[in-house]
PDB file of all heavy atoms in Angstrom:
ATOM      1  N   ASP A   1     117.469 119.238  67.352  1.00  0.00           N
ATOM      2  CA  ASP A   1     118.661 119.873  66.896  1.00  0.00           C
ATOM      3  C   ASP A   1     119.893 119.057  67.293  1.00  0.00           C
ATOM      4  O   ASP A   1     120.860 119.589  67.794  1.00  0.00           O
ATOM      5  CB  ASP A   1     118.760 121.284  67.459  1.00  0.00           C
ATOM      6  CG  ASP A   1     118.680 121.343  68.939  1.00  0.00           C
ATOM      7  OD1 ASP A   1     118.514 120.311  69.622  1.00  0.00           O
ATOM      8  OD2 ASP A   1     118.838 122.496  69.528  1.00  0.00           O
ATOM      9  N   GLU A   2     119.821 117.747  67.027  1.00  0.00           N
ATOM     10  CA  GLU A   2     121.018 116.891  67.311  1.00  0.00           C
ATOM     11  C   GLU A   2     122.275 117.405  66.678  1.00  0.00           C
ATOM     12  O   GLU A   2     122.187 117.739  65.508  1.00  0.00           O
ATOM     13  CB  GLU A   2     120.670 115.436  66.862  1.00  0.00           C
ATOM     14  CG  GLU A   2     119.643 114.728  67.660  1.00  0.00           C
ATOM     15  CD  GLU A   2     118.185 115.081  67.310  1.00  0.00           C
ATOM     16  OE1 GLU A   2     117.991 115.712  66.265  1.00  0.00           O
ATOM     17  OE2 GLU A   2     117.311 114.837  68.075  1.00  0.00           O
ATOM     18  N   THR A   3     123.315 117.392  67.386  1.00  0.00           N
ATOM     19  CA  THR A   3     124.616 117.866  66.816  1.00  0.00           C
ATOM     20  C   THR A   3     125.333 116.653  66.147  1.00  0.00           C
ATOM     21  O   THR A   3     126.129 116.915  65.285  1.00  0.00           O
ATOM     22  CB  THR A   3     125.486 118.490  67.938  1.00  0.00           C
ATOM     23  OG1 THR A   3     125.610 117.478  68.970  1.00  0.00           O
ATOM     24  CG2 THR A   3     124.920 119.621  68.514  1.00  0.00           C
ATOM     25  N   GLN A   4     124.965 115.488  66.468  1.00  0.00           N
ATOM     26  CA  GLN A   4     125.592 114.313  65.855  1.00  0.00           C
ATOM     27  C   GLN A   4     124.460 113.344  65.366  1.00  0.00           C
ATOM     28  O   GLN A   4     123.432 113.246  65.976  1.00  0.00           O
ATOM     29  CB  GLN A   4     126.502 113.534  66.788  1.00  0.00           C
ATOM     30  CG  GLN A   4     127.726 114.375  67.288  1.00  0.00           C
ATOM     31  CD  GLN A   4     128.644 113.575  68.121  1.00  0.00           C
ATOM     32  OE1 GLN A   4     128.404 112.357  68.350  1.00  0.00           O
ATOM     33  NE2 GLN A   4     129.704 114.152  68.566  1.00  0.00           N
ATOM     34  N   GLY A   5     124.692 112.715  64.246  1.00  0.00           N
ATOM     35  CA  GLY A   5     123.715 111.789  63.657  1.00  0.00           C
ATOM     36  C   GLY A   5     122.580 112.543  62.954  1.00  0.00           C
ATOM     37  O   GLY A   5     122.632 113.861  62.857  1.00  0.00           O
ATOM     38  N   GLY A   6     121.676 111.823  62.459  1.00  0.00           N
ATOM     39  CA  GLY A   6     120.560 112.419  61.747  1.00  0.00           C
ATOM     40  C   GLY A   6     119.644 113.205  62.701  1.00  0.00           C
ATOM     41  O   GLY A   6     119.490 112.931  63.820  1.00  0.00           O
ATOM     42  N   ARG A   7     118.896 114.185  62.059  1.00  0.00           N
ATOM     43  CA  ARG A   7     117.893 114.887  62.880  1.00  0.00           C
ATOM     44  C   ARG A   7     116.692 113.992  63.136  1.00  0.00           C
ATOM     45  O   ARG A   7     116.352 113.168  62.276  1.00  0.00           O
ATOM     46  CB  ARG A   7     117.448 116.135  62.110  1.00  0.00           C
ATOM     47  CG  ARG A   7     118.541 117.232  62.010  1.00  0.00           C
ATOM     48  CD  ARG A   7     118.081 118.425  61.296  1.00  0.00           C
ATOM     49  NE  ARG A   7     116.911 119.059  61.845  1.00  0.00           N
ATOM     50  CZ  ARG A   7     116.075 119.838  61.191  1.00  0.00           C
ATOM     51  NH1 ARG A   7     116.252 120.128  59.940  1.00  0.00           N
ATOM     52  NH2 ARG A   7     115.097 120.464  61.802  1.00  0.00           N
ATOM     53  N   ARG A   8     116.133 114.214  64.336  1.00  0.00           N
ATOM     54  CA  ARG A   8     114.986 113.328  64.755  1.00  0.00           C
ATOM     55  C   ARG A   8     113.753 114.204  64.753  1.00  0.00           C
ATOM     56  O   ARG A   8     113.799 115.341  65.182  1.00  0.00           O
ATOM     57  CB  ARG A   8     115.201 112.747  66.097  1.00  0.00           C
ATOM     58  CG  ARG A   8     116.268 111.796  66.116  1.00  0.00           C
ATOM     59  CD  ARG A   8     116.462 111.214  67.548  1.00  0.00           C
ATOM     60  NE  ARG A   8     117.514 110.166  67.505  1.00  0.00           N
ATOM     61  CZ  ARG A   8     118.367 110.002  68.527  1.00  0.00           C
ATOM     62  NH1 ARG A   8     118.355 110.861  69.563  1.00  0.00           N
ATOM     63  NH2 ARG A   8     119.280 109.125  68.470  1.00  0.00           N
ATOM     64  N   LYS A   9     112.640 113.701  64.361  1.00  0.00           N
ATOM     65  CA  LYS A   9     111.378 114.363  64.440  1.00  0.00           C
ATOM     66  C   LYS A   9     110.742 113.930  65.788  1.00  0.00           C
ATOM     67  O   LYS A   9     110.497 112.680  66.034  1.00  0.00           O
ATOM     68  CB  LYS A   9     110.465 113.891  63.318  1.00  0.00           C
ATOM     69  CG  LYS A   9     109.192 114.762  63.150  1.00  0.00           C
ATOM     70  CD  LYS A   9     108.465 114.391  61.840  1.00  0.00           C
ATOM     71  CE  LYS A   9     107.387 115.384  61.566  1.00  0.00           C
ATOM     72  NZ  LYS A   9     106.682 115.066  60.296  1.00  0.00           N
ATOM     73  N   TYR A  10     110.481 114.901  66.588  1.00  0.00           N
ATOM     74  CA  TYR A  10     109.886 114.634  67.924  1.00  0.00           C
ATOM     75  C   TYR A  10     108.477 114.951  67.853  1.00  0.00           C
ATOM     76  O   TYR A  10     107.938 115.725  67.055  1.00  0.00           O
ATOM     77  CB  TYR A  10     110.568 115.509  68.968  1.00  0.00           C
ATOM     78  CG  TYR A  10     111.977 115.116  69.305  1.00  0.00           C
ATOM     79  CD1 TYR A  10     112.984 115.437  68.501  1.00  0.00           C
ATOM     80  CD2 TYR A  10     112.160 114.366  70.454  1.00  0.00           C
ATOM     81  CE1 TYR A  10     114.221 115.023  68.883  1.00  0.00           C
ATOM     82  CE2 TYR A  10     113.395 113.912  70.768  1.00  0.00           C
ATOM     83  CZ  TYR A  10     114.511 114.282  69.953  1.00  0.00           C
ATOM     84  OH  TYR A  10     115.740 113.832  70.356  1.00  0.00           O
ATOM     85  N   TYR A  11     107.692 114.244  68.683  1.00  0.00           N
ATOM     86  CA  TYR A  11     106.210 114.359  68.805  1.00  0.00           C
ATOM     87  C   TYR A  11     105.917 114.817  70.251  1.00  0.00           C
ATOM     88  O   TYR A  11     106.549 114.470  71.226  1.00  0.00           O
ATOM     89  CB  TYR A  11     105.548 113.021  68.583  1.00  0.00           C
ATOM     90  CG  TYR A  11     105.729 112.617  67.113  1.00  0.00           C
ATOM     91  CD1 TYR A  11     106.964 111.768  66.838  1.00  0.00           C
ATOM     92  CD2 TYR A  11     105.045 113.109  66.025  1.00  0.00           C
ATOM     93  CE1 TYR A  11     107.205 111.367  65.462  1.00  0.00           C
ATOM     94  CE2 TYR A  11     105.324 112.716  64.726  1.00  0.00           C
ATOM     95  CZ  TYR A  11     106.377 111.878  64.495  1.00  0.00           C
ATOM     96  OH  TYR A  11     106.674 111.454  63.213  1.00  0.00           O
ATOM     97  N   ARG A  12     104.866 115.696  70.359  1.00  0.00           N
ATOM     98  CA  ARG A  12     104.412 116.220  71.554  1.00  0.00           C
ATOM     99  C   ARG A  12     102.835 116.126  71.616  1.00  0.00           C
ATOM    100  O   ARG A  12     102.238 116.531  70.629  1.00  0.00           O
ATOM    101  CB  ARG A  12     104.822 117.652  71.691  1.00  0.00           C
ATOM    102  CG  ARG A  12     104.244 118.447  72.886  1.00  0.00           C
ATOM    103  CD  ARG A  12     104.641 119.937  72.972  1.00  0.00           C
ATOM    104  NE  ARG A  12     106.057 119.970  73.082  1.00  0.00           N
ATOM    105  CZ  ARG A  12     106.881 120.866  72.528  1.00  0.00           C
ATOM    106  NH1 ARG A  12     106.412 121.751  71.683  1.00  0.00           N
ATOM    107  NH2 ARG A  12     108.200 120.856  72.787  1.00  0.00           N
ATOM    108  N   ILE A  13     102.311 115.751  72.759  1.00  0.00           N
ATOM    109  CA  ILE A  13     100.884 115.641  72.913  1.00  0.00           C
ATOM    110  C   ILE A  13     100.335 117.077  73.079  1.00  0.00           C
ATOM    111  O   ILE A  13     100.975 117.945  73.694  1.00  0.00           O
ATOM    112  CB  ILE A  13     100.454 114.712  74.070  1.00  0.00           C
ATOM    113  CG1 ILE A  13      99.034 114.416  74.044  1.00  0.00           C
ATOM    114  CG2 ILE A  13     100.987 115.278  75.397  1.00  0.00           C
ATOM    115  CD1 ILE A  13      98.551 113.337  74.969  1.00  0.00           C
ATOM    116  N   THR A  14      99.161 117.362  72.609  1.00  0.00           N
ATOM    117  CA  THR A  14      98.521 118.667  72.711  1.00  0.00           C
ATOM    118  C   THR A  14      97.517 118.566  73.820  1.00  0.00           C
ATOM    119  O   THR A  14      97.200 117.435  74.328  1.00  0.00           O
ATOM    120  CB  THR A  14      97.774 119.092  71.354  1.00  0.00           C
ATOM    121  OG1 THR A  14      96.766 118.110  71.079  1.00  0.00           O
ATOM    122  CG2 THR A  14      98.767 119.162  70.228  1.00  0.00           C
ATOM    123  N   GLU A  15      96.914 119.644  74.188  1.00  0.00           N
ATOM    124  CA  GLU A  15      95.791 119.728  75.150  1.00  0.00           C
ATOM    125  C   GLU A  15      94.648 118.825  74.654  1.00  0.00           C
ATOM    126  O   GLU A  15      94.094 117.996  75.403  1.00  0.00           O
ATOM    127  CB  GLU A  15      95.315 121.120  75.477  1.00  0.00           C
ATOM    128  CG  GLU A  15      96.203 121.921  76.301  1.00  0.00           C
ATOM    129  CD  GLU A  15      96.416 121.299  77.659  1.00  0.00           C
ATOM    130  OE1 GLU A  15      95.384 120.867  78.316  1.00  0.00           O
ATOM    131  OE2 GLU A  15      97.583 121.244  78.172  1.00  0.00           O
ATOM    132  N   ASN A  16      94.352 118.910  73.353  1.00  0.00           N
ATOM    133  CA  ASN A  16      93.305 118.032  72.741  1.00  0.00           C
ATOM    134  C   ASN A  16      93.664 116.604  72.846  1.00  0.00           C
ATOM    135  O   ASN A  16      92.835 115.740  73.100  1.00  0.00           O
ATOM    136  CB  ASN A  16      92.981 118.411  71.343  1.00  0.00           C
ATOM    137  CG  ASN A  16      92.276 119.725  71.198  1.00  0.00           C
ATOM    138  OD1 ASN A  16      91.641 120.165  72.114  1.00  0.00           O
ATOM    139  ND2 ASN A  16      92.304 120.303  69.977  1.00  0.00           N
ATOM    140  N   GLY A  17      94.958 116.295  72.708  1.00  0.00           N
ATOM    141  CA  GLY A  17      95.433 114.944  72.788  1.00  0.00           C
ATOM    142  C   GLY A  17      95.259 114.363  74.276  1.00  0.00           C
ATOM    143  O   GLY A  17      94.934 113.211  74.441  1.00  0.00           O
ATOM    144  N   ILE A  18      95.530 115.260  75.242  1.00  0.00           N
ATOM    145  CA  ILE A  18      95.356 114.836  76.641  1.00  0.00           C
ATOM    146  C   ILE A  18      93.854 114.507  76.896  1.00  0.00           C
ATOM    147  O   ILE A  18      93.575 113.532  77.576  1.00  0.00           O
ATOM    148  CB  ILE A  18      95.928 115.895  77.576  1.00  0.00           C
ATOM    149  CG1 ILE A  18      97.466 115.980  77.496  1.00  0.00           C
ATOM    150  CG2 ILE A  18      95.542 115.588  79.012  1.00  0.00           C
ATOM    151  CD1 ILE A  18      98.020 117.164  78.108  1.00  0.00           C
ATOM    152  N   GLU A  19      93.085 115.405  76.380  1.00  0.00           N
ATOM    153  CA  GLU A  19      91.595 115.153  76.644  1.00  0.00           C
ATOM    154  C   GLU A  19      91.173 113.871  75.894  1.00  0.00           C
ATOM    155  O   GLU A  19      90.378 113.094  76.435  1.00  0.00           O
ATOM    156  CB  GLU A  19      90.746 116.338  76.037  1.00  0.00           C
ATOM    157  CG  GLU A  19      90.941 117.630  76.844  1.00  0.00           C
ATOM    158  CD  GLU A  19      90.288 118.831  76.193  1.00  0.00           C
ATOM    159  OE1 GLU A  19      89.475 118.679  75.209  1.00  0.00           O
ATOM    160  OE2 GLU A  19      90.661 119.952  76.619  1.00  0.00           O
ATOM    161  N   LYS A  20      91.675 113.700  74.750  1.00  0.00           N
ATOM    162  CA  LYS A  20      91.288 112.354  73.980  1.00  0.00           C
ATOM    163  C   LYS A  20      91.807 111.164  74.696  1.00  0.00           C
ATOM    164  O   LYS A  20      91.125 110.204  74.814  1.00  0.00           O
ATOM    165  CB  LYS A  20      91.865 112.499  72.584  1.00  0.00           C
ATOM    166  CG  LYS A  20      91.529 111.216  71.711  1.00  0.00           C
ATOM    167  CD  LYS A  20      90.073 111.131  71.470  1.00  0.00           C
ATOM    168  CE  LYS A  20      89.752 110.100  70.403  1.00  0.00           C
ATOM    169  NZ  LYS A  20      88.294 109.958  70.306  1.00  0.00           N
ATOM    170  N   TYR A  21      92.978 111.304  75.297  1.00  0.00           N
ATOM    171  CA  TYR A  21      93.585 110.199  76.024  1.00  0.00           C
ATOM    172  C   TYR A  21      92.676 109.799  77.283  1.00  0.00           C
ATOM    173  O   TYR A  21      92.355 108.704  77.481  1.00  0.00           O
ATOM    174  CB  TYR A  21      94.987 110.475  76.555  1.00  0.00           C
ATOM    175  CG  TYR A  21      95.411 109.463  77.590  1.00  0.00           C
ATOM    176  CD1 TYR A  21      95.908 108.226  77.295  1.00  0.00           C
ATOM    177  CD2 TYR A  21      95.270 109.819  78.973  1.00  0.00           C
ATOM    178  CE1 TYR A  21      96.230 107.298  78.192  1.00  0.00           C
ATOM    179  CE2 TYR A  21      95.642 108.855  79.960  1.00  0.00           C
ATOM    180  CZ  TYR A  21      96.109 107.657  79.550  1.00  0.00           C
ATOM    181  OH  TYR A  21      96.366 106.729  80.524  1.00  0.00           O
ATOM    182  N   GLU A  22      92.235 110.880  77.966  1.00  0.00           N
ATOM    183  CA  GLU A  22      91.448 110.667  79.177  1.00  0.00           C
ATOM    184  C   GLU A  22      90.083 110.049  78.737  1.00  0.00           C
ATOM    185  O   GLU A  22      89.582 109.189  79.438  1.00  0.00           O
ATOM    186  CB  GLU A  22      91.184 111.933  79.936  1.00  0.00           C
ATOM    187  CG  GLU A  22      92.444 112.446  80.619  1.00  0.00           C
ATOM    188  CD  GLU A  22      92.924 111.550  81.734  1.00  0.00           C
ATOM    189  OE1 GLU A  22      92.127 110.758  82.298  1.00  0.00           O
ATOM    190  OE2 GLU A  22      94.191 111.549  82.001  1.00  0.00           O
ATOM    191  N   GLU A  23      89.530 110.547  77.662  1.00  0.00           N
ATOM    192  CA  GLU A  23      88.209 109.942  77.158  1.00  0.00           C
ATOM    193  C   GLU A  23      88.396 108.474  76.786  1.00  0.00           C
ATOM    194  O   GLU A  23      87.583 107.684  77.177  1.00  0.00           O
ATOM    195  CB  GLU A  23      87.829 110.846  75.949  1.00  0.00           C
ATOM    196  CG  GLU A  23      86.535 110.354  75.251  1.00  0.00           C
ATOM    197  CD  GLU A  23      86.306 111.199  74.047  1.00  0.00           C
ATOM    198  OE1 GLU A  23      86.469 112.419  74.031  1.00  0.00           O
ATOM    199  OE2 GLU A  23      85.986 110.650  72.917  1.00  0.00           O
ATOM    200  N   ASN A  24      89.453 108.186  76.073  1.00  0.00           N
ATOM    201  CA  ASN A  24      89.686 106.813  75.528  1.00  0.00           C
ATOM    202  C   ASN A  24      89.960 105.913  76.763  1.00  0.00           C
ATOM    203  O   ASN A  24      89.517 104.811  76.822  1.00  0.00           O
ATOM    204  CB  ASN A  24      90.836 106.756  74.648  1.00  0.00           C
ATOM    205  CG  ASN A  24      90.509 107.312  73.313  1.00  0.00           C
ATOM    206  OD1 ASN A  24      89.346 107.796  73.021  1.00  0.00           O
ATOM    207  ND2 ASN A  24      91.485 107.323  72.446  1.00  0.00           N
ATOM    208  N   ARG A  25      90.669 106.368  77.725  1.00  0.00           N
ATOM    209  CA  ARG A  25      91.042 105.559  78.941  1.00  0.00           C
ATOM    210  C   ARG A  25      89.734 105.196  79.735  1.00  0.00           C
ATOM    211  O   ARG A  25      89.549 104.039  80.088  1.00  0.00           O
ATOM    212  CB  ARG A  25      91.969 106.275  79.868  1.00  0.00           C
ATOM    213  CG  ARG A  25      92.542 105.438  80.948  1.00  0.00           C
ATOM    214  CD  ARG A  25      93.293 106.181  81.952  1.00  0.00           C
ATOM    215  NE  ARG A  25      92.641 107.325  82.576  1.00  0.00           N
ATOM    216  CZ  ARG A  25      91.689 107.071  83.537  1.00  0.00           C
ATOM    217  NH1 ARG A  25      91.395 105.972  83.901  1.00  0.00           N
ATOM    218  NH2 ARG A  25      91.059 108.188  84.050  1.00  0.00           N
ATOM    219  N   LYS A  26      88.874 106.185  79.828  1.00  0.00           N
ATOM    220  CA  LYS A  26      87.598 105.913  80.509  1.00  0.00           C
ATOM    221  C   LYS A  26      86.750 104.834  79.764  1.00  0.00           C
ATOM    222  O   LYS A  26      86.115 104.002  80.370  1.00  0.00           O
ATOM    223  CB  LYS A  26      86.783 107.166  80.813  1.00  0.00           C
ATOM    224  CG  LYS A  26      87.437 108.079  81.830  1.00  0.00           C
ATOM    225  CD  LYS A  26      86.740 109.415  81.854  1.00  0.00           C
ATOM    226  CE  LYS A  26      87.454 110.362  82.864  1.00  0.00           C
ATOM    227  NZ  LYS A  26      86.934 111.751  82.796  1.00  0.00           N
ATOM    228  N   GLU A  27      86.664 105.084  78.424  1.00  0.00           N
ATOM    229  CA  GLU A  27      85.936 104.096  77.588  1.00  0.00           C
ATOM    230  C   GLU A  27      86.575 102.644  77.674  1.00  0.00           C
ATOM    231  O   GLU A  27      85.833 101.673  77.742  1.00  0.00           O
ATOM    232  CB  GLU A  27      85.883 104.554  76.126  1.00  0.00           C
ATOM    233  CG  GLU A  27      85.036 105.727  75.935  1.00  0.00           C
ATOM    234  CD  GLU A  27      85.065 106.215  74.435  1.00  0.00           C
ATOM    235  OE1 GLU A  27      85.763 105.553  73.560  1.00  0.00           O
ATOM    236  OE2 GLU A  27      84.493 107.263  74.193  1.00  0.00           O
ATOM    237  N   TRP A  28      87.884 102.630  77.754  1.00  0.00           N
ATOM    238  CA  TRP A  28      88.619 101.385  77.939  1.00  0.00           C
ATOM    239  C   TRP A  28      88.228 100.644  79.252  1.00  0.00           C
ATOM    240  O   TRP A  28      88.007  99.484  79.315  1.00  0.00           O
ATOM    241  CB  TRP A  28      90.126 101.590  77.775  1.00  0.00           C
ATOM    242  CG  TRP A  28      90.904 100.296  78.056  1.00  0.00           C
ATOM    243  CD1 TRP A  28      91.071  99.271  77.140  1.00  0.00           C
ATOM    244  CD2 TRP A  28      91.550  99.925  79.221  1.00  0.00           C
ATOM    245  NE1 TRP A  28      91.817  98.270  77.705  1.00  0.00           N
ATOM    246  CE2 TRP A  28      92.133  98.647  79.045  1.00  0.00           C
ATOM    247  CE3 TRP A  28      91.712 100.544  80.437  1.00  0.00           C
ATOM    248  CZ2 TRP A  28      92.845  98.047  79.989  1.00  0.00           C
ATOM    249  CZ3 TRP A  28      92.452  99.879  81.374  1.00  0.00           C
ATOM    250  CH2 TRP A  28      93.065  98.696  81.185  1.00  0.00           C
ATOM    251  N   GLU A  29      88.110 101.472  80.337  1.00  0.00           N
ATOM    252  CA  GLU A  29      87.817 100.872  81.598  1.00  0.00           C
ATOM    253  C   GLU A  29      86.452 100.190  81.550  1.00  0.00           C
ATOM    254  O   GLU A  29      86.145  99.149  82.060  1.00  0.00           O
ATOM    255  CB  GLU A  29      87.843 102.024  82.709  1.00  0.00           C
ATOM    256  CG  GLU A  29      89.200 102.446  83.134  1.00  0.00           C
ATOM    257  CD  GLU A  29      90.074 101.417  83.813  1.00  0.00           C
ATOM    258  OE1 GLU A  29      89.528 100.446  84.357  1.00  0.00           O
ATOM    259  OE2 GLU A  29      91.295 101.632  83.872  1.00  0.00           O
ATOM    260  N   VAL A  30      85.470 100.934  80.921  1.00  0.00           N
ATOM    261  CA  VAL A  30      84.108 100.356  80.902  1.00  0.00           C
ATOM    262  C   VAL A  30      84.165  99.092  79.957  1.00  0.00           C
ATOM    263  O   VAL A  30      83.506  98.068  80.316  1.00  0.00           O
ATOM    264  CB  VAL A  30      83.146 101.466  80.279  1.00  0.00           C
ATOM    265  CG1 VAL A  30      81.784 100.890  79.953  1.00  0.00           C
ATOM    266  CG2 VAL A  30      82.977 102.643  81.244  1.00  0.00           C
ATOM    267  N   ALA A  31      84.801  99.240  78.877  1.00  0.00           N
ATOM    268  CA  ALA A  31      84.880  98.051  77.873  1.00  0.00           C
ATOM    269  C   ALA A  31      85.553  96.869  78.543  1.00  0.00           C
ATOM    270  O   ALA A  31      85.077  95.730  78.387  1.00  0.00           O
ATOM    271  CB  ALA A  31      85.627  98.478  76.648  1.00  0.00           C
ATOM    272  N   LYS A  32      86.588  97.035  79.344  1.00  0.00           N
ATOM    273  CA  LYS A  32      87.322  96.103  79.993  1.00  0.00           C
ATOM    274  C   LYS A  32      86.341  95.261  80.945  1.00  0.00           C
ATOM    275  O   LYS A  32      86.380  94.029  80.976  1.00  0.00           O
ATOM    276  CB  LYS A  32      88.502  96.597  80.801  1.00  0.00           C
ATOM    277  CG  LYS A  32      89.371  95.595  81.520  1.00  0.00           C
ATOM    278  CD  LYS A  32      90.585  96.215  82.137  1.00  0.00           C
ATOM    279  CE  LYS A  32      90.103  97.071  83.281  1.00  0.00           C
ATOM    280  NZ  LYS A  32      91.127  97.554  84.242  1.00  0.00           N
TER     281      LYS A  32
END
């Protein structure tokens, strides 16, 4: 709800997104 300039679309991580991040991070550690 910016009062000046164009409106911005914001993004927020969900609980599923947090779980996916943790899963991907663990897979990355193994792959690394």
